[in-house]
Structure formats: structure tokens, C-alpha cells
Amino acid sequence: MDPALLARLTSGEGWGLMQSLPTYDETAALALGARLRDAGFDADLVAAALTQSRLRARAVGKFGEAAAEMLFTADGLEQATRSEVAAPHAARFRDSGIQSVFDLGCGIGSDARALASAGLRVMAADSDELTAMIAAVNLKQWEHARVIHQRAETVQLPPSQPRDVGVWLDPARRIPGVADITGRTRRTFRLDELSPSWDFVRSVAETVPAVGAKLSPSFAHSAVPPGSQAQWTSFGGEVVECVVWWGELAWQPGRCAVVVTGRFAYEVHEQDAAGASTDGARLDRLHGYLYEADRAVIRAGLTGALVRRVDGVELGAGLGYVTSPRDVLVPWAKKYSVIDAMPLNNKALRAWLRDHRVGRLTIKKRGVSIDSDQLRRQMRLSGNSEATILLTRVGGAQVVLMLSAAL
């Protein structure tokens, strides 16, 4: 889709066509397109409307009912911040006393929408003309939000930075070029391939009193700038981003994790993990409870906070599993009861599963390179009960833990 076709799509005829479409059904899309063309609609307009219908259906998971009034690109939707995660971004600006935010590299406008919804004045900019036009449609309900087609590097920020002005950056993490079959371009995880560049992001942070930048969850701990706060966030158990905050927005400098579950968000800070000992896990001491830290906590390197919370020990460095005899409620960790534990040996494991009449086996693994499907076949399961096992390492040795969910 080009800007001219987008202008037609957002006109009376095009917008009316989109709003009249039924819920998207991949199996019926071709027939629906043929009927619309037979009814006299232009083929390009029909194709664009059906593409938006498909993207809106996908976007419901990120934007809920609001997706029905928004426009998208395939890349823009994938990189867009879901509403449950964007809202805390906006709240941080607002609660830090910021009143106006420049959103540089706004994409389809997901974070700009959250900023505007929080009552902040928004100046959003994107270097791609089509994307900027789409963002303008997605922000049209807020009079205090404006979108321009301009490169982030050329946007004129206030010459003397007032304390109530902030900047939000979401550098493009895709490489321009040939798209794949889904229409999406190749993703990059390298800081030196961001657009605008990482150097530009840091230069803004040096001159503006309140800056936040959304980066990949793979952002390295060693790259966290001094005095900033790096915040890894998960939603539904998946780590979706790392945001680096500077200045007024770096509430607790260092690393932290935010775990978003439904309407609630739980924060874990580097200070929470201070002084935690992760030594001492032994196979013969694993009866009790096993806690699995949320992936954002693991990615932020803060499993020590879980160790302190349950007064336990980590099974192995970086694994995110902590064992403890204590039964503790931790909203950002899963809890299991440890039924049994043994060195990983196929013959012994098969005997244990046979003795417990296990016919359905859930295999969790971390820190071991074992093919779960192959192992399941080797166990020759034949019982009528279920079991969950964890394949991991303790003291450098491969072990298997038999688990049950703990209330």
C-alpha cells in the first residue's frame, strides 16, 4: 500500500468499506474479495481493505476492541507495544512531572496513543511517510497529539530543555530490504543496526532531562549506560522488550524486571537481589519446592531476588530455578512441589515412570541439550496418569526432577 491508496482507504468510501467487512476469515477472504469487486469496488481498494481486516484481527491481542478503529502495517503491528505495556510507559512520564513528549520513531503510534490517553501532549514523528500517515489515523481522536513525517534526527527539540518535556524513542529493529512471504522485513538484534542509531539515542539522553528508549529483550547487561535504568518487561510469560530510562525517568538506576499479568504489574529491582547467595544446591536436598522465575527476571539477571524471597538456592547460574523448603507466594514465579529427584539416566527414569503408571508426560528443560520428543518415545509410556518432569543441571550434573503444581 502506498500513501495515495491509504488516502483513499481513509476516505468516505474506503473507510465505509473497511467498517462494513465481517470478522476476518482467511478461508472466506478470496470469495469476499471477488464479491466486493463484482459489486463495483476498485480491486486495489478491496485488497487494501482486506489486508487491514486481517491485520486488525491479529491486532486484537495487543489492542483489544480499539483495533477495530486502527490501521496497521505488518512490521508496525509486530513491533508495536501492546496496550498493557504501553500504559505503564506513559504513566512513568506523567508521574515524573512530564507534560509533553516527543515520540521519535513512533511507528503506527501505539506508545503515542498511550501517552495521549494519559493526558500528555504528544509530537510523534516517523521517517516513513506511509507509517506516519497510519499513526495520524490512529491518533486522530486526541487533539493534543500530532504526527509528522520526519526523521527522528531532524526533529527540532526545544533549545532549552524544560523539565516537563520528555522524549520517547522506539528505534526500528528491522533491516530495510526484501520482505519475506508475510511481508515482514528481517529483524535485527544489533545495536549498531538500529534506526535511529544507538549513538543518536544516547546523545538525546545527554541533552533531554527525561528520556526512554524501547530496545530488544536481548539488550546486553554490559551495554546499560551508567546512571540509567534498564527495565526488562514480560507479558504472559514472554519477554517483550527492554526499555532504558534516563534522567527523571530512571527511578532506580540499574537493572529491573516488570512482570505484567492481566491488570497487574510486579516489579523486581537489582537491589532486591543484592547479597543473595546462589551456591549450595545439592541433589539430595531438592525435596520441598521448586520456584521458576519469570523470564523477565531471568533476562534481567535478577534470579537472586527469588533466592532471597524464598530463602533458597539456585539450581545453577542463569537457569532461573530456585529450590527451597519454604512455601512462599511469589507472584512473579511459578511454584512446584518436588516429588522426587535423581541423576538423569534413561533406564532409571523409565522405571520411575512405569512404577507411577505415567502415560502422559510433560517435559520441561533448561540448561540441557536433550530432544524432548525423542526422550518421550524412549520412555515407552503406557499408564493412565500424568507427570511433569524438569531436565536441568545441579552442580554441573544433568538431573531430572519430578514435579507437581503447588497451590
Protein backbone atom coordinates (compact mmCIF):
# COMPACT_ATOMS: atom_id res chain seq x y z
CA MET A 1 0.00 0.00 0.00
CA ASP A 2 1.25 3.48 -0.88
CA PRO A 3 0.26 6.87 0.58
CA ALA A 4 -2.21 7.53 -2.25
CA LEU A 5 -4.05 4.26 -1.65
CA LEU A 6 -4.03 4.88 2.11
CA ALA A 7 -5.66 8.27 1.50
CA ARG A 8 -8.41 6.53 -0.48
CA LEU A 9 -8.77 3.87 2.22
CA THR A 10 -9.35 6.51 4.89
CA SER A 11 -11.83 8.46 2.76
CA GLY A 12 -15.59 8.04 2.96
CA GLU A 13 -15.82 5.11 0.53
CA GLY A 14 -12.72 3.29 1.73
CA TRP A 15 -13.39 3.74 5.43
CA GLY A 16 -17.01 2.71 4.98
CA LEU A 17 -15.87 -0.39 3.12
CA MET A 18 -13.49 -1.39 5.91
CA GLN A 19 -16.04 -0.82 8.65
CA SER A 20 -18.62 -2.93 6.79
CA LEU A 21 -16.40 -6.00 6.49
CA PRO A 22 -17.31 -9.06 8.57
CA THR A 23 -14.91 -10.56 11.11
CA TYR A 24 -11.86 -11.68 9.14
CA ASP A 25 -11.92 -15.29 7.99
CA GLU A 26 -8.92 -16.48 5.99
CA THR A 27 -10.95 -19.24 4.32
CA ALA A 28 -13.58 -16.76 3.09
CA ALA A 29 -11.29 -13.87 2.13
CA LEU A 30 -10.92 -14.76 -1.56
CA ALA A 31 -14.64 -15.19 -2.09
CA LEU A 32 -15.39 -11.99 -0.20
CA GLY A 33 -12.87 -10.08 -2.30
CA ALA A 34 -14.48 -11.36 -5.51
CA ARG A 35 -17.95 -10.30 -4.33
CA LEU A 36 -16.72 -6.82 -3.45
CA ARG A 37 -15.06 -6.37 -6.84
CA ASP A 38 -18.21 -7.61 -8.56
CA ALA A 39 -20.13 -5.01 -6.54
CA GLY A 40 -18.05 -2.30 -8.21
CA PHE A 41 -15.28 -1.63 -5.66
CA ASP A 42 -11.81 -1.00 -7.08
CA ALA A 43 -9.55 -4.07 -6.84
CA ASP A 44 -6.71 -2.20 -5.13
CA LEU A 45 -9.10 -0.74 -2.57
CA VAL A 46 -10.60 -4.17 -1.87
CA ALA A 47 -7.14 -5.71 -1.41
CA ALA A 48 -6.08 -2.93 0.96
CA ALA A 49 -9.29 -3.19 3.00
CA LEU A 50 -8.98 -6.97 3.33
CA THR A 51 -5.33 -6.61 4.37
CA GLN A 52 -6.37 -4.19 7.10
CA SER A 53 -9.16 -6.56 8.16
CA ARG A 54 -6.61 -9.36 8.53
CA LEU A 55 -4.19 -7.15 10.47
CA ARG A 56 -6.96 -5.86 12.73
CA ALA A 57 -7.92 -9.42 13.61
CA ARG A 58 -4.31 -10.10 14.58
CA ALA A 59 -4.11 -6.81 16.49
CA VAL A 60 -6.95 -7.61 18.88
CA GLY A 61 -4.48 -9.48 21.09
CA LYS A 62 -2.44 -6.28 21.51
CA PHE A 63 -5.08 -3.57 21.38
CA GLY A 64 -8.40 -5.21 22.23
CA GLU A 65 -11.53 -3.55 20.85
CA ALA A 66 -9.53 -0.46 19.82
CA ALA A 67 -8.01 -2.48 16.96
CA ALA A 68 -11.30 -2.16 15.05
CA GLU A 69 -10.67 1.58 14.57
CA MET A 70 -6.93 1.41 13.87
CA LEU A 71 -4.74 0.89 10.82
CA PHE A 72 -1.59 -1.24 10.63
CA THR A 73 1.35 -2.47 8.62
CA ALA A 74 2.69 -5.99 9.15
CA ASP A 75 6.03 -4.75 10.51
CA GLY A 76 4.38 -1.99 12.50
CA LEU A 77 1.97 -4.35 14.23
CA GLU A 78 4.73 -6.79 15.16
CA GLN A 79 6.93 -4.08 16.68
CA ALA A 80 4.05 -2.13 18.28
CA THR A 81 3.88 -2.03 22.06
CA ARG A 82 0.76 -3.78 23.35
CA SER A 83 -1.60 -1.52 25.29
CA GLU A 84 -0.99 -3.22 28.67
CA VAL A 85 2.73 -2.47 28.36
CA ALA A 86 2.45 0.98 26.74
CA ALA A 87 0.21 2.30 29.53
CA PRO A 88 2.95 2.00 32.22
CA HIS A 89 5.39 3.77 29.86
CA ALA A 90 3.00 6.72 29.67
CA ALA A 91 2.34 6.63 33.40
CA ARG A 92 6.07 6.90 34.12
CA PHE A 93 6.30 10.10 32.05
CA ARG A 94 3.18 11.54 33.69
CA ASP A 95 4.19 10.58 37.23
CA SER A 96 7.64 12.14 36.67
CA GLY A 97 6.04 15.52 36.04
CA ILE A 98 6.38 15.39 32.24
CA GLN A 99 3.67 17.19 30.28
CA SER A 100 4.90 16.97 26.68
CA VAL A 101 6.57 14.04 24.95
CA PHE A 102 8.35 13.81 21.60
CA ASP A 103 7.83 10.28 20.23
CA LEU A 104 10.71 9.88 17.78
CA GLY A 105 10.19 6.86 15.55
CA CYS A 106 6.55 6.45 16.53
CA GLY A 107 5.73 3.58 14.15
CA ILE A 108 1.97 3.04 13.95
CA GLY A 109 1.56 5.11 17.13
CA SER A 110 0.99 2.51 19.85
CA ASP A 111 3.02 4.28 22.55
CA ALA A 112 1.89 7.69 21.32
CA ARG A 113 -1.72 6.58 21.87
CA ALA A 114 -0.91 5.61 25.46
CA LEU A 115 0.88 8.93 26.05
CA ALA A 116 -2.04 10.91 24.66
CA SER A 117 -4.52 8.83 26.63
CA ALA A 118 -2.57 9.72 29.80
CA GLY A 119 -3.22 13.40 29.08
CA LEU A 120 0.24 14.24 27.74
CA ARG A 121 0.85 16.46 24.73
CA VAL A 122 2.45 14.35 22.00
CA MET A 123 4.54 15.23 18.98
CA ALA A 124 5.10 11.98 17.11
CA ALA A 125 7.42 11.56 14.13
CA ASP A 126 8.29 8.72 11.78
CA SER A 127 10.68 8.64 8.85
CA ASP A 128 8.37 6.52 6.68
CA GLU A 129 5.58 8.52 5.05
CA LEU A 130 3.04 5.69 4.98
CA THR A 131 3.72 4.74 8.60
CA ALA A 132 3.37 8.37 9.71
CA MET A 133 0.03 8.61 7.90
CA ILE A 134 -1.18 5.46 9.65
CA ALA A 135 -0.06 6.83 13.02
CA ALA A 136 -2.02 10.01 12.34
CA VAL A 137 -5.17 7.94 11.78
CA ASN A 138 -4.52 6.01 14.99
CA LEU A 139 -4.13 9.26 16.96
CA LYS A 140 -6.94 11.28 15.40
CA GLN A 141 -9.17 11.11 18.50
CA TRP A 142 -6.72 13.19 20.57
CA GLU A 143 -6.49 16.91 19.76
CA HIS A 144 -3.29 17.23 21.80
CA ALA A 145 -1.45 14.65 19.65
CA ARG A 146 0.21 15.45 16.33
CA VAL A 147 2.12 13.30 13.84
CA ILE A 148 4.72 14.48 11.33
CA HIS A 149 6.63 12.67 8.58
CA GLN A 150 10.22 13.36 9.58
CA ARG A 151 13.40 11.57 10.55
CA ALA A 152 14.00 11.43 14.30
CA GLU A 153 17.43 13.01 13.87
CA THR A 154 15.96 16.14 12.26
CA VAL A 155 13.11 16.83 14.69
CA GLN A 156 13.72 20.16 16.41
CA LEU A 157 13.60 19.71 20.16
CA PRO A 158 13.16 22.74 22.47
CA PRO A 159 16.51 24.63 22.57
CA SER A 160 16.50 25.00 26.34
CA GLN A 161 15.13 21.77 27.70
CA PRO A 162 12.32 22.46 30.20
CA ARG A 163 11.84 19.95 32.99
CA ASP A 164 8.38 18.99 31.76
CA VAL A 165 9.49 17.78 28.30
CA GLY A 166 10.46 14.19 27.61
CA VAL A 167 11.46 12.05 24.65
CA TRP A 168 10.40 8.50 23.81
CA LEU A 169 12.34 6.56 21.18
CA ASP A 170 11.48 3.23 19.60
CA PRO A 171 14.31 2.63 17.11
CA ALA A 172 13.41 0.41 14.16
CA ARG A 173 14.81 -3.07 14.71
CA ARG A 174 14.32 -4.32 11.16
CA ILE A 175 16.65 -4.19 8.16
CA PRO A 176 15.16 -2.46 5.09
CA GLY A 177 15.15 -4.68 2.04
CA VAL A 178 13.33 -7.66 0.59
CA ALA A 179 10.42 -8.77 2.76
CA ASP A 180 9.57 -12.40 3.44
CA ILE A 181 6.35 -14.13 2.36
CA THR A 182 4.44 -12.50 5.23
CA GLY A 183 5.53 -9.01 4.15
CA ARG A 184 7.85 -8.51 7.10
CA THR A 185 11.49 -7.45 6.83
CA ARG A 186 14.41 -9.07 8.63
CA ARG A 187 14.70 -8.35 12.36
CA THR A 188 17.98 -7.20 13.85
CA PHE A 189 19.30 -7.58 17.38
CA ARG A 190 22.43 -5.46 16.89
CA LEU A 191 22.68 -2.03 18.50
CA ASP A 192 24.72 -0.73 15.57
CA GLU A 193 21.88 -1.53 13.14
CA LEU A 194 19.14 0.44 14.90
CA SER A 195 17.44 3.36 13.19
CA PRO A 196 17.80 5.97 14.57
CA SER A 197 21.19 4.84 15.80
CA TRP A 198 22.11 3.93 19.36
CA ASP A 199 24.59 6.82 19.33
CA PHE A 200 21.75 9.20 18.50
CA VAL A 201 19.58 7.76 21.26
CA ARG A 202 22.37 8.30 23.78
CA SER A 203 23.01 11.83 22.53
CA VAL A 204 19.34 12.71 23.14
CA ALA A 205 19.61 11.24 26.63
CA GLU A 206 22.54 13.55 27.32
CA THR A 207 20.57 16.70 26.44
CA VAL A 208 16.95 15.98 27.42
CA PRO A 209 16.07 15.60 31.12
CA ALA A 210 13.64 12.68 30.66
CA VAL A 211 14.24 10.00 28.00
CA GLY A 212 13.08 6.44 27.45
CA ALA A 213 14.10 4.08 24.65
CA LYS A 214 12.46 0.77 23.76
CA LEU A 215 15.01 -1.88 22.75
CA SER A 216 15.17 -5.61 22.11
CA PRO A 217 14.80 -8.03 25.06
CA SER A 218 18.28 -9.27 24.11
CA PHE A 219 19.84 -5.95 25.16
CA ALA A 220 23.12 -6.82 26.87
CA HIS A 221 23.71 -6.03 30.54
CA SER A 222 27.13 -4.69 29.62
CA ALA A 223 25.52 -2.08 27.35
CA VAL A 224 23.42 -0.47 30.09
CA PRO A 225 24.60 3.18 30.23
CA PRO A 226 25.84 4.45 33.61
CA GLY A 227 23.14 6.12 35.68
CA SER A 228 20.30 4.71 33.58
CA GLN A 229 17.67 2.12 34.45
CA ALA A 230 17.27 -0.90 32.15
CA GLN A 231 13.85 -2.50 32.50
CA TRP A 232 13.02 -5.89 31.01
CA THR A 233 9.26 -6.49 30.71
CA SER A 234 7.32 -9.68 30.19
CA PHE A 235 3.70 -10.17 29.23
CA GLY A 236 2.07 -13.57 29.54
CA GLY A 237 5.44 -15.12 30.33
CA GLU A 238 7.16 -13.76 27.18
CA VAL A 239 9.85 -11.09 27.45
CA VAL A 240 8.66 -8.41 25.04
CA GLU A 241 11.11 -5.53 25.47
CA CYS A 242 13.90 -3.83 27.35
CA VAL A 243 13.38 -0.13 27.99
CA VAL A 244 16.28 2.05 29.05
CA TRP A 245 15.26 5.09 31.12
CA TRP A 246 17.43 8.18 31.70
CA GLY A 247 17.25 11.26 33.87
CA GLU A 248 13.94 11.95 35.60
CA LEU A 249 12.60 8.61 34.37
CA ALA A 250 15.41 6.47 35.84
CA TRP A 251 13.67 5.99 39.17
CA GLN A 252 16.06 3.29 40.42
CA PRO A 253 19.22 3.14 38.31
CA GLY A 254 20.42 -0.34 37.45
CA ARG A 255 18.60 -3.40 36.13
CA CYS A 256 15.00 -4.28 36.88
CA ALA A 257 12.21 -6.53 35.63
CA VAL A 258 8.50 -5.89 35.24
CA VAL A 259 6.11 -8.82 35.04
CA VAL A 260 2.73 -7.90 33.55
CA THR A 261 -0.08 -10.36 34.25
CA GLY A 262 -3.54 -9.18 33.28
CA ARG A 263 -4.25 -5.89 35.08
CA PHE A 264 -1.32 -6.24 37.48
CA ALA A 265 2.38 -5.47 37.09
CA TYR A 266 5.06 -6.66 39.51
CA GLU A 267 8.50 -5.05 39.70
CA VAL A 268 11.78 -6.67 40.72
CA HIS A 269 14.83 -4.43 41.18
CA GLU A 270 18.55 -5.04 41.30
CA GLN A 271 18.54 -4.04 44.96
CA ASP A 272 16.15 -6.94 45.65
CA ALA A 273 18.83 -9.40 44.54
CA ALA A 274 21.72 -7.84 46.43
CA GLY A 275 23.59 -10.19 48.71
CA ALA A 276 21.75 -13.34 47.61
CA SER A 277 23.86 -16.49 47.66
CA THR A 278 23.25 -18.92 44.79
CA ASP A 279 25.68 -21.60 45.98
CA GLY A 280 24.86 -24.88 47.67
CA ALA A 281 22.24 -26.69 45.56
CA ARG A 282 22.54 -30.47 46.03
CA LEU A 283 20.51 -33.27 44.53
CA ASP A 284 19.79 -34.85 47.92
CA ARG A 285 18.32 -31.55 49.18
CA LEU A 286 15.82 -30.88 46.41
CA HIS A 287 12.73 -32.19 48.17
CA GLY A 288 10.38 -29.33 49.01
CA TYR A 289 9.54 -26.62 46.50
CA LEU A 290 10.94 -25.51 43.17
CA TYR A 291 10.40 -21.93 42.03
CA GLU A 292 10.74 -20.85 38.41
CA ALA A 293 11.41 -17.13 38.00
CA ASP A 294 9.57 -15.23 35.29
CA ARG A 295 11.60 -14.88 32.11
CA ALA A 296 11.93 -11.11 32.52
CA VAL A 297 13.52 -11.66 35.93
CA ILE A 298 15.91 -14.19 34.44
CA ARG A 299 16.76 -11.94 31.48
CA ALA A 300 17.45 -9.04 33.83
CA GLY A 301 19.83 -11.27 35.78
CA LEU A 302 17.80 -10.96 38.98
CA THR A 303 17.14 -14.56 39.99
CA GLY A 304 18.93 -13.63 43.21
CA ALA A 305 15.78 -11.72 44.18
CA LEU A 306 13.88 -15.01 44.09
CA VAL A 307 16.62 -16.69 46.12
CA ARG A 308 16.19 -14.03 48.81
CA ARG A 309 12.39 -14.09 48.63
CA VAL A 310 12.11 -17.84 49.34
CA ASP A 311 15.34 -18.22 51.32
CA GLY A 312 16.55 -20.84 48.84
CA VAL A 313 19.38 -21.64 46.44
CA GLU A 314 19.53 -21.52 42.64
CA LEU A 315 19.99 -24.85 40.89
CA GLY A 316 22.54 -23.41 38.51
CA ALA A 317 23.75 -19.97 37.47
CA GLY A 318 21.39 -18.35 34.97
CA LEU A 319 18.80 -21.14 34.98
CA GLY A 320 16.18 -19.23 36.94
CA TYR A 321 15.22 -22.22 39.11
CA VAL A 322 15.41 -21.91 42.89
CA THR A 323 14.79 -24.68 45.42
CA SER A 324 13.59 -24.08 48.96
CA PRO A 325 11.87 -25.97 51.78
CA ARG A 326 9.63 -22.94 52.31
CA ASP A 327 6.15 -22.48 50.80
CA VAL A 328 6.08 -18.83 49.69
CA LEU A 329 3.71 -16.93 47.42
CA VAL A 330 5.73 -15.18 44.70
CA PRO A 331 3.51 -13.55 42.03
CA TRP A 332 6.34 -13.40 39.51
CA ALA A 333 7.43 -17.05 39.82
CA LYS A 334 5.81 -20.44 39.24
CA LYS A 335 5.89 -22.87 42.13
CA TYR A 336 6.11 -26.66 42.06
CA SER A 337 6.35 -29.37 44.68
CA VAL A 338 9.36 -31.61 44.17
CA ILE A 339 8.17 -35.22 44.35
CA ASP A 340 11.46 -36.88 43.56
CA ALA A 341 14.89 -36.14 42.09
CA MET A 342 17.59 -38.31 40.54
CA PRO A 343 20.57 -38.17 38.18
CA LEU A 344 19.39 -38.18 34.58
CA ASN A 345 19.51 -41.81 33.46
CA ASN A 346 17.08 -43.13 30.85
CA LYS A 347 16.73 -46.57 32.40
CA ALA A 348 16.08 -45.21 35.90
CA LEU A 349 13.65 -42.59 34.60
CA ARG A 350 11.75 -45.20 32.58
CA ALA A 351 11.42 -47.37 35.68
CA TRP A 352 10.13 -44.44 37.73
CA LEU A 353 7.52 -43.55 35.10
CA ARG A 354 6.45 -47.20 34.83
CA ASP A 355 6.11 -47.55 38.61
CA HIS A 356 3.94 -44.43 38.71
CA ARG A 357 1.86 -45.59 35.70
CA VAL A 358 2.60 -42.43 33.72
CA GLY A 359 1.04 -42.26 30.28
CA ARG A 360 1.13 -38.50 29.63
CA LEU A 361 4.41 -36.74 30.27
CA THR A 362 5.17 -33.00 30.27
CA ILE A 363 8.88 -32.35 29.84
CA LYS A 364 10.41 -29.05 30.93
CA LYS A 365 14.09 -28.45 30.35
CA ARG A 366 16.68 -25.75 30.86
CA GLY A 367 20.44 -25.94 30.64
CA VAL A 368 20.48 -29.33 28.89
CA SER A 369 20.54 -30.22 25.19
CA ILE A 370 18.12 -33.14 25.07
CA ASP A 371 15.45 -33.80 22.44
CA SER A 372 12.19 -33.91 24.42
CA ASP A 373 10.23 -35.80 21.77
CA GLN A 374 12.93 -38.43 21.39
CA LEU A 375 13.16 -38.88 25.16
CA ARG A 376 9.39 -39.26 25.42
CA ARG A 377 9.46 -42.03 22.80
CA GLN A 378 12.28 -43.77 24.63
CA MET A 379 10.22 -43.84 27.84
CA ARG A 380 7.56 -46.09 26.19
CA LEU A 381 4.74 -44.59 28.26
CA SER A 382 1.74 -46.83 28.84
CA GLY A 383 -0.04 -45.80 32.07
CA ASN A 384 -3.10 -43.63 32.69
CA SER A 385 -1.67 -40.91 34.94
CA GLU A 386 0.12 -37.61 34.16
CA ALA A 387 3.52 -36.35 35.27
CA THR A 388 5.72 -33.28 34.83
CA ILE A 389 9.50 -33.55 34.90
CA LEU A 390 12.27 -30.99 34.68
CA LEU A 391 15.56 -31.80 32.97
CA THR A 392 18.27 -29.45 34.18
CA ARG A 393 21.66 -29.23 35.93
CA VAL A 394 22.62 -29.30 39.57
CA GLY A 395 26.27 -28.86 40.46
CA GLY A 396 27.20 -29.29 36.80
CA ALA A 397 25.49 -32.71 36.51
CA GLN A 398 22.33 -33.42 34.49
CA VAL A 399 19.39 -34.32 36.71
CA VAL A 400 15.66 -34.95 36.44
CA LEU A 401 13.15 -33.55 38.92
CA MET A 402 9.63 -34.94 39.23
CA LEU A 403 7.20 -32.09 39.88
CA SER A 404 3.60 -31.35 40.69
CA ALA A 405 1.96 -27.94 40.56
CA ALA A 406 1.80 -26.35 44.01
CA LEU A 407 -1.15 -24.22 45.05
